[in-house]
All heavy atoms as atom14 arrays in JSON, in Angstrom:
{
  "sequence": "ALALGARFLRETRDPGAASLDWPGALSFTLALALFTYGVLLAPERGWS",
  "atom14_mask": [
    [1, 1, 1, 1, 1, 0, 0, 0, 0, 0, 0, 0, 0, 0],
    [1, 1, 1, 1, 1, 1, 1, 1, 0, 0, 0, 0, 0, 0],
    [1, 1, 1, 1, 1, 0, 0, 0, 0, 0, 0, 0, 0, 0],
    [1, 1, 1, 1, 1, 1, 1, 1, 0, 0, 0, 0, 0, 0],
    [1, 1, 1, 1, 0, 0, 0, 0, 0, 0, 0, 0, 0, 0],
    [1, 1, 1, 1, 1, 0, 0, 0, 0, 0, 0, 0, 0, 0],
    [1, 1, 1, 1, 1, 1, 1, 1, 1, 1, 1, 0, 0, 0],
    [1, 1, 1, 1, 1, 1, 1, 1, 1, 1, 1, 0, 0, 0],
    [1, 1, 1, 1, 1, 1, 1, 1, 0, 0, 0, 0, 0, 0],
    [1, 1, 1, 1, 1, 1, 1, 1, 1, 1, 1, 0, 0, 0],
    [1, 1, 1, 1, 1, 1, 1, 1, 1, 0, 0, 0, 0, 0],
    [1, 1, 1, 1, 1, 1, 1, 0, 0, 0, 0, 0, 0, 0],
    [1, 1, 1, 1, 1, 1, 1, 1, 1, 1, 1, 0, 0, 0],
    [1, 1, 1, 1, 1, 1, 1, 1, 0, 0, 0, 0, 0, 0],
    [1, 1, 1, 1, 1, 1, 1, 0, 0, 0, 0, 0, 0, 0],
    [1, 1, 1, 1, 0, 0, 0, 0, 0, 0, 0, 0, 0, 0],
    [1, 1, 1, 1, 1, 0, 0, 0, 0, 0, 0, 0, 0, 0],
    [1, 1, 1, 1, 1, 0, 0, 0, 0, 0, 0, 0, 0, 0],
    [1, 1, 1, 1, 1, 1, 0, 0, 0, 0, 0, 0, 0, 0],
    [1, 1, 1, 1, 1, 1, 1, 1, 0, 0, 0, 0, 0, 0],
    [1, 1, 1, 1, 1, 1, 1, 1, 0, 0, 0, 0, 0, 0],
    [1, 1, 1, 1, 1, 1, 1, 1, 1, 1, 1, 1, 1, 1],
    [1, 1, 1, 1, 1, 1, 1, 0, 0, 0, 0, 0, 0, 0],
    [1, 1, 1, 1, 0, 0, 0, 0, 0, 0, 0, 0, 0, 0],
    [1, 1, 1, 1, 1, 0, 0, 0, 0, 0, 0, 0, 0, 0],
    [1, 1, 1, 1, 1, 1, 1, 1, 0, 0, 0, 0, 0, 0],
    [1, 1, 1, 1, 1, 1, 0, 0, 0, 0, 0, 0, 0, 0],
    [1, 1, 1, 1, 1, 1, 1, 1, 1, 1, 1, 0, 0, 0],
    [1, 1, 1, 1, 1, 1, 1, 0, 0, 0, 0, 0, 0, 0],
    [1, 1, 1, 1, 1, 1, 1, 1, 0, 0, 0, 0, 0, 0],
    [1, 1, 1, 1, 1, 0, 0, 0, 0, 0, 0, 0, 0, 0],
    [1, 1, 1, 1, 1, 1, 1, 1, 0, 0, 0, 0, 0, 0],
    [1, 1, 1, 1, 1, 0, 0, 0, 0, 0, 0, 0, 0, 0],
    [1, 1, 1, 1, 1, 1, 1, 1, 0, 0, 0, 0, 0, 0],
    [1, 1, 1, 1, 1, 1, 1, 1, 1, 1, 1, 0, 0, 0],
    [1, 1, 1, 1, 1, 1, 1, 0, 0, 0, 0, 0, 0, 0],
    [1, 1, 1, 1, 1, 1, 1, 1, 1, 1, 1, 1, 0, 0],
    [1, 1, 1, 1, 0, 0, 0, 0, 0, 0, 0, 0, 0, 0],
    [1, 1, 1, 1, 1, 1, 1, 0, 0, 0, 0, 0, 0, 0],
    [1, 1, 1, 1, 1, 1, 1, 1, 0, 0, 0, 0, 0, 0],
    [1, 1, 1, 1, 1, 1, 1, 1, 0, 0, 0, 0, 0, 0],
    [1, 1, 1, 1, 1, 0, 0, 0, 0, 0, 0, 0, 0, 0],
    [1, 1, 1, 1, 1, 1, 1, 0, 0, 0, 0, 0, 0, 0],
    [1, 1, 1, 1, 1, 1, 1, 1, 1, 0, 0, 0, 0, 0],
    [1, 1, 1, 1, 1, 1, 1, 1, 1, 1, 1, 0, 0, 0],
    [1, 1, 1, 1, 0, 0, 0, 0, 0, 0, 0, 0, 0, 0],
    [1, 1, 1, 1, 1, 1, 1, 1, 1, 1, 1, 1, 1, 1],
    [1, 1, 1, 1, 1, 1, 0, 0, 0, 0, 0, 0, 0, 0]
  ],
  "atom14_positions": [
    [[0.83, -1.21, 0.0], [0.0, 0.0, 0.0], [0.87, 1.25, 0.0], [0.56, 2.23, -0.69], [-0.92, -0.01, 1.22], [0.0, 0.0, 0.0], [0.0, 0.0, 0.0], [0.0, 0.0, 0.0], [0.0, 0.0, 0.0], [0.0, 0.0, 0.0], [0.0, 0.0, 0.0], [0.0, 0.0, 0.0], [0.0, 0.0, 0.0], [0.0, 0.0, 0.0]],
    [[1.95, 1.23, 0.76], [2.86, 2.38, 0.82], [3.49, 2.64, -0.54], [3.56, 3.8, -1.0], [3.94, 2.11, 1.87], [4.97, 3.22, 2.09], [4.31, 4.46, 2.68], [6.08, 2.72, 3.03], [0.0, 0.0, 0.0], [0.0, 0.0, 0.0], [0.0, 0.0, 0.0], [0.0, 0.0, 0.0], [0.0, 0.0, 0.0], [0.0, 0.0, 0.0]],
    [[3.94, 1.6, -1.22], [4.6, 1.76, -2.52], [3.63, 2.32, -3.56], [3.96, 3.25, -4.3], [5.17, 0.42, -2.98], [0.0, 0.0, 0.0], [0.0, 0.0, 0.0], [0.0, 0.0, 0.0], [0.0, 0.0, 0.0], [0.0, 0.0, 0.0], [0.0, 0.0, 0.0], [0.0, 0.0, 0.0], [0.0, 0.0, 0.0], [0.0, 0.0, 0.0]],
    [[2.42, 1.77, -3.62], [1.44, 2.26, -4.59], [0.99, 3.67, -4.27], [0.83, 4.51, -5.17], [0.23, 1.32, -4.62], [0.44, -0.05, -5.28], [-0.78, -0.93, -5.07], [0.72, 0.11, -6.77], [0.0, 0.0, 0.0], [0.0, 0.0, 0.0], [0.0, 0.0, 0.0], [0.0, 0.0, 0.0], [0.0, 0.0, 0.0], [0.0, 0.0, 0.0]],
    [[0.75, 3.95, -2.99], [0.32, 5.28, -2.6], [1.36, 6.34, -2.9], [1.04, 7.44, -3.38], [0.0, 0.0, 0.0], [0.0, 0.0, 0.0], [0.0, 0.0, 0.0], [0.0, 0.0, 0.0], [0.0, 0.0, 0.0], [0.0, 0.0, 0.0], [0.0, 0.0, 0.0], [0.0, 0.0, 0.0], [0.0, 0.0, 0.0], [0.0, 0.0, 0.0]],
    [[2.62, 6.04, -2.64], [3.7, 7.0, -2.92], [3.8, 7.31, -4.41], [4.13, 8.44, -4.8], [5.03, 6.45, -2.39], [0.0, 0.0, 0.0], [0.0, 0.0, 0.0], [0.0, 0.0, 0.0], [0.0, 0.0, 0.0], [0.0, 0.0, 0.0], [0.0, 0.0, 0.0], [0.0, 0.0, 0.0], [0.0, 0.0, 0.0], [0.0, 0.0, 0.0]],
    [[3.48, 6.32, -5.24], [3.62, 6.51, -6.68], [2.4, 7.15, -7.34], [2.53, 8.02, -8.2], [3.91, 5.15, -7.33], [3.94, 5.17, -8.86], [5.09, 6.02, -9.39], [5.12, 6.02, -10.84], [4.39, 6.86, -11.6], [3.58, 7.75, -11.02], [4.48, 6.8, -12.92], [0.0, 0.0, 0.0], [0.0, 0.0, 0.0], [0.0, 0.0, 0.0]],
    [[1.21, 6.77, -6.91], [0.03, 7.16, -7.67], [-0.92, 8.12, -6.96], [-1.75, 8.75, -7.62], [-0.75, 5.9, -8.07], [0.01, 5.01, -9.01], [0.6, 3.84, -8.55], [0.15, 5.35, -10.35], [1.32, 3.02, -9.41], [0.86, 4.53, -11.21], [1.46, 3.37, -10.75], [0.0, 0.0, 0.0], [0.0, 0.0, 0.0], [0.0, 0.0, 0.0]],
    [[-0.87, 8.24, -5.64], [-1.76, 9.17, -4.95], [-1.37, 10.61, -5.27], [-0.18, 10.94, -5.36], [-1.69, 8.97, -3.44], [-2.77, 8.11, -2.78], [-2.49, 7.99, -1.3], [-4.15, 8.7, -3.02], [0.0, 0.0, 0.0], [0.0, 0.0, 0.0], [0.0, 0.0, 0.0], [0.0, 0.0, 0.0], [0.0, 0.0, 0.0], [0.0, 0.0, 0.0]],
    [[-2.36, 11.47, -5.44], [-2.13, 12.91, -5.66], [-2.39, 13.65, -4.36], [-3.33, 13.35, -3.64], [-3.05, 13.44, -6.76], [-2.78, 12.8, -8.11], [-3.81, 13.21, -9.14], [-3.54, 12.57, -10.42], [-2.8, 13.13, -11.39], [-2.27, 14.34, -11.2], [-2.6, 12.48, -12.51], [0.0, 0.0, 0.0], [0.0, 0.0, 0.0], [0.0, 0.0, 0.0]],
    [[-1.56, 14.63, -4.09], [-1.72, 15.39, -2.86], [-2.87, 16.38, -2.97], [-2.96, 17.13, -3.95], [-0.42, 16.13, -2.52], [-0.44, 16.82, -1.17], [-0.6, 15.82, -0.03], [-1.76, 15.44, 0.25], [0.41, 15.42, 0.54], [0.0, 0.0, 0.0], [0.0, 0.0, 0.0], [0.0, 0.0, 0.0], [0.0, 0.0, 0.0], [0.0, 0.0, 0.0]],
    [[-3.78, 16.36, -2.02], [-4.88, 17.33, -1.94], [-5.05, 17.73, -0.5], [-4.68, 16.99, 0.42], [-6.21, 16.72, -2.46], [-6.56, 15.59, -1.64], [-6.1, 16.28, -3.9], [0.0, 0.0, 0.0], [0.0, 0.0, 0.0], [0.0, 0.0, 0.0], [0.0, 0.0, 0.0], [0.0, 0.0, 0.0], [0.0, 0.0, 0.0], [0.0, 0.0, 0.0]],
    [[-5.6, 18.92, -0.3], [-5.88, 19.39, 1.06], [-7.01, 20.39, 1.0], [-7.4, 20.86, -0.07], [-4.64, 20.0, 1.71], [-4.04, 21.16, 0.93], [-2.87, 21.81, 1.69], [-1.83, 20.86, 2.03], [-0.82, 20.52, 1.22], [-0.76, 21.07, 0.01], [0.09, 19.68, 1.6], [0.0, 0.0, 0.0], [0.0, 0.0, 0.0], [0.0, 0.0, 0.0]],
    [[-7.55, 20.74, 2.14], [-8.61, 21.74, 2.26], [-7.97, 23.09, 2.55], [-7.41, 23.29, 3.63], [-9.57, 21.35, 3.4], [-10.66, 22.38, 3.62], [-10.76, 23.32, 2.8], [-11.41, 22.25, 4.59], [0.0, 0.0, 0.0], [0.0, 0.0, 0.0], [0.0, 0.0, 0.0], [0.0, 0.0, 0.0], [0.0, 0.0, 0.0], [0.0, 0.0, 0.0]],
    [[-8.0, 24.04, 1.6], [-7.36, 25.34, 1.83], [-7.93, 26.09, 3.02], [-7.25, 26.91, 3.63], [-7.62, 26.11, 0.53], [-7.93, 25.06, -0.49], [-8.6, 23.95, 0.26], [0.0, 0.0, 0.0], [0.0, 0.0, 0.0], [0.0, 0.0, 0.0], [0.0, 0.0, 0.0], [0.0, 0.0, 0.0], [0.0, 0.0, 0.0], [0.0, 0.0, 0.0]],
    [[-9.18, 25.81, 3.37], [-9.8, 26.51, 4.49], [-9.6, 25.84, 5.82], [-10.11, 26.32, 6.84], [0.0, 0.0, 0.0], [0.0, 0.0, 0.0], [0.0, 0.0, 0.0], [0.0, 0.0, 0.0], [0.0, 0.0, 0.0], [0.0, 0.0, 0.0], [0.0, 0.0, 0.0], [0.0, 0.0, 0.0], [0.0, 0.0, 0.0], [0.0, 0.0, 0.0]],
    [[-8.85, 24.73, 5.85], [-8.65, 24.01, 7.1], [-7.8, 24.82, 8.07], [-6.79, 25.41, 7.69], [-8.0, 22.66, 6.84], [0.0, 0.0, 0.0], [0.0, 0.0, 0.0], [0.0, 0.0, 0.0], [0.0, 0.0, 0.0], [0.0, 0.0, 0.0], [0.0, 0.0, 0.0], [0.0, 0.0, 0.0], [0.0, 0.0, 0.0], [0.0, 0.0, 0.0]],
    [[-8.22, 24.87, 9.32], [-7.47, 25.56, 10.37], [-6.56, 24.56, 11.07], [-6.5, 23.38, 10.72], [-8.44, 26.2, 11.37], [0.0, 0.0, 0.0], [0.0, 0.0, 0.0], [0.0, 0.0, 0.0], [0.0, 0.0, 0.0], [0.0, 0.0, 0.0], [0.0, 0.0, 0.0], [0.0, 0.0, 0.0], [0.0, 0.0, 0.0], [0.0, 0.0, 0.0]],
    [[-5.81, 25.04, 12.05], [-4.94, 24.15, 12.81], [-5.79, 23.14, 13.59], [-6.97, 23.37, 13.86], [-4.07, 24.95, 13.78], [-4.88, 25.68, 14.68], [0.0, 0.0, 0.0], [0.0, 0.0, 0.0], [0.0, 0.0, 0.0], [0.0, 0.0, 0.0], [0.0, 0.0, 0.0], [0.0, 0.0, 0.0], [0.0, 0.0, 0.0], [0.0, 0.0, 0.0]],
    [[-5.18, 22.03, 13.92], [-5.92, 20.96, 14.58], [-6.45, 21.4, 15.95], [-5.77, 22.12, 16.69], [-5.02, 19.73, 14.75], [-5.67, 18.5, 15.37], [-6.77, 17.96, 14.47], [-4.62, 17.41, 15.61], [0.0, 0.0, 0.0], [0.0, 0.0, 0.0], [0.0, 0.0, 0.0], [0.0, 0.0, 0.0], [0.0, 0.0, 0.0], [0.0, 0.0, 0.0]],
    [[-7.63, 20.97, 16.25], [-8.26, 21.24, 17.55], [-7.67, 20.31, 18.59], [-8.26, 19.3, 18.97], [-9.78, 21.04, 17.4], [-10.52, 21.16, 18.72], [-9.98, 21.78, 19.65], [-11.64, 20.62, 18.8], [0.0, 0.0, 0.0], [0.0, 0.0, 0.0], [0.0, 0.0, 0.0], [0.0, 0.0, 0.0], [0.0, 0.0, 0.0], [0.0, 0.0, 0.0]],
    [[-6.47, 20.68, 19.09], [-5.77, 19.8, 20.03], [-6.51, 19.63, 21.36], [-6.59, 18.51, 21.87], [-4.35, 20.32, 20.27], [-3.42, 20.09, 19.12], [-2.89, 21.02, 18.28], [-2.93, 18.82, 18.66], [-2.11, 20.42, 17.31], [-2.11, 19.07, 17.54], [-3.11, 17.5, 19.09], [-1.47, 18.06, 16.84], [-2.47, 16.48, 18.4], [-1.66, 16.77, 17.29]],
    [[-7.06, 20.69, 21.96], [-7.82, 20.47, 23.2], [-8.98, 19.49, 23.02], [-9.22, 18.63, 23.88], [-8.31, 21.88, 23.58], [-7.31, 22.8, 22.94], [-6.95, 22.13, 21.65], [0.0, 0.0, 0.0], [0.0, 0.0, 0.0], [0.0, 0.0, 0.0], [0.0, 0.0, 0.0], [0.0, 0.0, 0.0], [0.0, 0.0, 0.0], [0.0, 0.0, 0.0]],
    [[-9.69, 19.61, 21.9], [-10.78, 18.69, 21.64], [-10.29, 17.27, 21.45], [-10.86, 16.31, 21.99], [0.0, 0.0, 0.0], [0.0, 0.0, 0.0], [0.0, 0.0, 0.0], [0.0, 0.0, 0.0], [0.0, 0.0, 0.0], [0.0, 0.0, 0.0], [0.0, 0.0, 0.0], [0.0, 0.0, 0.0], [0.0, 0.0, 0.0], [0.0, 0.0, 0.0]],
    [[-9.19, 17.11, 20.69], [-8.65, 15.77, 20.44], [-8.19, 15.11, 21.74], [-8.46, 13.94, 21.99], [-7.49, 15.86, 19.45], [0.0, 0.0, 0.0], [0.0, 0.0, 0.0], [0.0, 0.0, 0.0], [0.0, 0.0, 0.0], [0.0, 0.0, 0.0], [0.0, 0.0, 0.0], [0.0, 0.0, 0.0], [0.0, 0.0, 0.0], [0.0, 0.0, 0.0]],
    [[-7.5, 15.87, 22.58], [-6.97, 15.3, 23.82], [-8.08, 14.95, 24.81], [-8.05, 13.9, 25.45], [-5.98, 16.27, 24.45], [-4.67, 16.49, 23.67], [-3.83, 17.57, 24.33], [-3.89, 15.19, 23.57], [0.0, 0.0, 0.0], [0.0, 0.0, 0.0], [0.0, 0.0, 0.0], [0.0, 0.0, 0.0], [0.0, 0.0, 0.0], [0.0, 0.0, 0.0]],
    [[-9.08, 15.84, 24.95], [-10.17, 15.56, 25.88], [-10.99, 14.36, 25.43], [-11.41, 13.53, 26.25], [-11.07, 16.79, 26.04], [-11.65, 17.18, 24.79], [0.0, 0.0, 0.0], [0.0, 0.0, 0.0], [0.0, 0.0, 0.0], [0.0, 0.0, 0.0], [0.0, 0.0, 0.0], [0.0, 0.0, 0.0], [0.0, 0.0, 0.0], [0.0, 0.0, 0.0]],
    [[-11.19, 14.22, 24.12], [-11.95, 13.07, 23.59], [-11.18, 11.77, 23.82], [-11.74, 10.77, 24.26], [-12.23, 13.28, 22.11], [-13.07, 12.2, 21.48], [-14.44, 12.18, 21.67], [-12.49, 11.21, 20.71], [-15.23, 11.19, 21.1], [-13.26, 10.21, 20.14], [-14.63, 10.21, 20.33], [0.0, 0.0, 0.0], [0.0, 0.0, 0.0], [0.0, 0.0, 0.0]],
    [[-9.89, 11.79, 23.51], [-9.06, 10.59, 23.7], [-9.01, 10.18, 25.16], [-9.13, 8.99, 25.5], [-7.64, 10.83, 23.17], [-7.71, 11.18, 21.78], [-6.77, 9.6, 23.34], [0.0, 0.0, 0.0], [0.0, 0.0, 0.0], [0.0, 0.0, 0.0], [0.0, 0.0, 0.0], [0.0, 0.0, 0.0], [0.0, 0.0, 0.0], [0.0, 0.0, 0.0]],
    [[-8.82, 11.15, 26.04], [-8.74, 10.86, 27.47], [-10.07, 10.31, 27.99], [-10.09, 9.39, 28.82], [-8.34, 12.11, 28.24], [-8.09, 11.93, 29.74], [-6.99, 10.91, 29.98], [-7.72, 13.27, 30.39], [0.0, 0.0, 0.0], [0.0, 0.0, 0.0], [0.0, 0.0, 0.0], [0.0, 0.0, 0.0], [0.0, 0.0, 0.0], [0.0, 0.0, 0.0]],
    [[-11.17, 10.85, 27.5], [-12.49, 10.37, 27.93], [-12.67, 8.89, 27.56], [-13.12, 8.08, 28.38], [-13.59, 11.21, 27.28], [0.0, 0.0, 0.0], [0.0, 0.0, 0.0], [0.0, 0.0, 0.0], [0.0, 0.0, 0.0], [0.0, 0.0, 0.0], [0.0, 0.0, 0.0], [0.0, 0.0, 0.0], [0.0, 0.0, 0.0], [0.0, 0.0, 0.0]],
    [[-12.31, 8.53, 26.33], [-12.42, 7.14, 25.92], [-11.49, 6.23, 26.7], [-11.86, 5.12, 27.09], [-12.13, 7.01, 24.42], [-13.22, 7.46, 23.44], [-12.75, 7.25, 22.01], [-14.51, 6.7, 23.67], [0.0, 0.0, 0.0], [0.0, 0.0, 0.0], [0.0, 0.0, 0.0], [0.0, 0.0, 0.0], [0.0, 0.0, 0.0], [0.0, 0.0, 0.0]],
    [[-10.26, 6.7, 26.93], [-9.29, 5.89, 27.66], [-9.75, 5.62, 29.09], [-9.68, 4.48, 29.57], [-7.93, 6.58, 27.66], [0.0, 0.0, 0.0], [0.0, 0.0, 0.0], [0.0, 0.0, 0.0], [0.0, 0.0, 0.0], [0.0, 0.0, 0.0], [0.0, 0.0, 0.0], [0.0, 0.0, 0.0], [0.0, 0.0, 0.0], [0.0, 0.0, 0.0]],
    [[-10.22, 6.65, 29.78], [-10.68, 6.48, 31.16], [-11.89, 5.55, 31.23], [-11.98, 4.7, 32.12], [-11.01, 7.84, 31.77], [-9.82, 8.79, 32.01], [-10.32, 10.14, 32.5], [-8.83, 8.19, 32.99], [0.0, 0.0, 0.0], [0.0, 0.0, 0.0], [0.0, 0.0, 0.0], [0.0, 0.0, 0.0], [0.0, 0.0, 0.0], [0.0, 0.0, 0.0]],
    [[-12.81, 5.73, 30.3], [-14.0, 4.87, 30.31], [-13.63, 3.41, 30.06], [-14.1, 2.51, 30.78], [-14.99, 5.35, 29.24], [-16.25, 4.52, 29.18], [-17.3, 4.74, 30.06], [-16.38, 3.5, 28.25], [-18.45, 3.97, 30.01], [-17.52, 2.72, 28.2], [-18.56, 2.96, 29.08], [0.0, 0.0, 0.0], [0.0, 0.0, 0.0], [0.0, 0.0, 0.0]],
    [[-12.8, 3.18, 29.04], [-12.42, 1.8, 28.72], [-11.67, 1.15, 29.87], [-11.95, 0.0, 30.24], [-11.55, 1.78, 27.45], [-12.27, 2.4, 26.38], [-11.19, 0.36, 27.05], [0.0, 0.0, 0.0], [0.0, 0.0, 0.0], [0.0, 0.0, 0.0], [0.0, 0.0, 0.0], [0.0, 0.0, 0.0], [0.0, 0.0, 0.0], [0.0, 0.0, 0.0]],
    [[-10.73, 1.87, 30.47], [-9.96, 1.31, 31.57], [-10.87, 1.01, 32.77], [-10.75, -0.04, 33.42], [-8.84, 2.26, 31.97], [-7.87, 1.69, 32.99], [-7.54, 0.35, 32.99], [-7.29, 2.5, 33.95], [-6.65, -0.18, 33.92], [-6.39, 2.0, 34.88], [-6.09, 0.66, 34.86], [-5.22, 0.14, 35.78], [0.0, 0.0, 0.0], [0.0, 0.0, 0.0]],
    [[-11.81, 1.91, 33.05], [-12.73, 1.7, 34.15], [-13.59, 0.47, 33.95], [-13.79, -0.34, 34.87], [0.0, 0.0, 0.0], [0.0, 0.0, 0.0], [0.0, 0.0, 0.0], [0.0, 0.0, 0.0], [0.0, 0.0, 0.0], [0.0, 0.0, 0.0], [0.0, 0.0, 0.0], [0.0, 0.0, 0.0], [0.0, 0.0, 0.0], [0.0, 0.0, 0.0]],
    [[-14.1, 0.29, 32.72], [-14.96, -0.86, 32.44], [-14.17, -2.16, 32.5], [-14.66, -3.18, 32.99], [-15.63, -0.69, 31.05], [-16.35, -1.97, 30.64], [-16.63, 0.47, 31.09], [0.0, 0.0, 0.0], [0.0, 0.0, 0.0], [0.0, 0.0, 0.0], [0.0, 0.0, 0.0], [0.0, 0.0, 0.0], [0.0, 0.0, 0.0], [0.0, 0.0, 0.0]],
    [[-12.94, -2.15, 32.0], [-12.12, -3.36, 32.04], [-11.69, -3.71, 33.46], [-11.53, -4.9, 33.8], [-10.87, -3.17, 31.16], [-11.09, -3.12, 29.64], [-9.77, -2.88, 28.93], [-11.73, -4.4, 29.14], [0.0, 0.0, 0.0], [0.0, 0.0, 0.0], [0.0, 0.0, 0.0], [0.0, 0.0, 0.0], [0.0, 0.0, 0.0], [0.0, 0.0, 0.0]],
    [[-11.48, -2.69, 34.29], [-11.02, -2.93, 35.65], [-12.16, -3.37, 36.58], [-11.92, -4.03, 37.6], [-10.37, -1.66, 36.2], [-9.47, -1.78, 37.43], [-8.29, -2.69, 37.14], [-8.98, -0.41, 37.86], [0.0, 0.0, 0.0], [0.0, 0.0, 0.0], [0.0, 0.0, 0.0], [0.0, 0.0, 0.0], [0.0, 0.0, 0.0], [0.0, 0.0, 0.0]],
    [[-13.4, -3.02, 36.22], [-14.54, -3.27, 37.1], [-14.73, -4.75, 37.46], [-14.98, -5.06, 38.64], [-15.81, -2.71, 36.48], [0.0, 0.0, 0.0], [0.0, 0.0, 0.0], [0.0, 0.0, 0.0], [0.0, 0.0, 0.0], [0.0, 0.0, 0.0], [0.0, 0.0, 0.0], [0.0, 0.0, 0.0], [0.0, 0.0, 0.0], [0.0, 0.0, 0.0]],
    [[-14.63, -5.69, 36.51], [-14.82, -7.1, 36.91], [-13.79, -7.58, 37.94], [-14.09, -8.45, 38.76], [-14.66, -7.85, 35.58], [-15.01, -6.86, 34.53], [-14.5, -5.56, 35.06], [0.0, 0.0, 0.0], [0.0, 0.0, 0.0], [0.0, 0.0, 0.0], [0.0, 0.0, 0.0], [0.0, 0.0, 0.0], [0.0, 0.0, 0.0], [0.0, 0.0, 0.0]],
    [[-12.58, -7.02, 37.91], [-11.54, -7.44, 38.84], [-11.68, -6.75, 40.2], [-11.54, -7.38, 41.25], [-10.17, -7.12, 38.25], [-8.99, -7.48, 39.14], [-7.66, -7.14, 38.5], [-7.42, -7.59, 37.37], [-6.87, -6.41, 39.12], [0.0, 0.0, 0.0], [0.0, 0.0, 0.0], [0.0, 0.0, 0.0], [0.0, 0.0, 0.0], [0.0, 0.0, 0.0]],
    [[-11.98, -5.45, 40.19], [-12.03, -4.68, 41.44], [-13.43, -4.5, 41.99], [-13.6, -4.27, 43.19], [-11.41, -3.29, 41.2], [-9.96, -3.31, 40.74], [-9.02, -3.74, 41.86], [-7.64, -3.62, 41.46], [-6.91, -2.51, 41.59], [-7.45, -1.42, 42.12], [-5.66, -2.49, 41.2], [0.0, 0.0, 0.0], [0.0, 0.0, 0.0], [0.0, 0.0, 0.0]],
    [[-14.44, -4.54, 41.12], [-15.8, -4.25, 41.54], [-16.21, -2.84, 41.11], [-15.41, -1.91, 41.14], [0.0, 0.0, 0.0], [0.0, 0.0, 0.0], [0.0, 0.0, 0.0], [0.0, 0.0, 0.0], [0.0, 0.0, 0.0], [0.0, 0.0, 0.0], [0.0, 0.0, 0.0], [0.0, 0.0, 0.0], [0.0, 0.0, 0.0], [0.0, 0.0, 0.0]],
    [[-17.49, -2.71, 40.73], [-17.97, -1.41, 40.21], [-17.98, -0.33, 41.29], [-17.92, 0.85, 40.97], [-19.37, -1.59, 39.63], [-19.39, -2.37, 38.37], [-19.65, -3.71, 38.24], [-19.14, -1.89, 37.05], [-19.57, -4.09, 36.92], [-19.26, -3.0, 36.17], [-18.81, -0.65, 36.53], [-19.07, -2.87, 34.79], [-18.61, -0.52, 35.15], [-18.75, -1.63, 34.3]],
    [[-18.06, -0.71, 42.55], [-18.12, 0.3, 43.62], [-16.76, 0.71, 44.15], [-16.68, 1.56, 45.03], [-18.98, -0.25, 44.78], [-18.41, -1.44, 45.31], [0.0, 0.0, 0.0], [0.0, 0.0, 0.0], [0.0, 0.0, 0.0], [0.0, 0.0, 0.0], [0.0, 0.0, 0.0], [0.0, 0.0, 0.0], [0.0, 0.0, 0.0], [0.0, 0.0, 0.0]]
  ]
}
């Protein structure tokens, strides 16, 4: 996939795109991580 993409893909972008919403990305990732870890840990430790 890397070899074909490097040869045949054309570069495109959105000229109106702003910088990445880092606070949003980090808060969303952290929310998912905490929830997943909590759910996985619950059977071993207990929900309470």
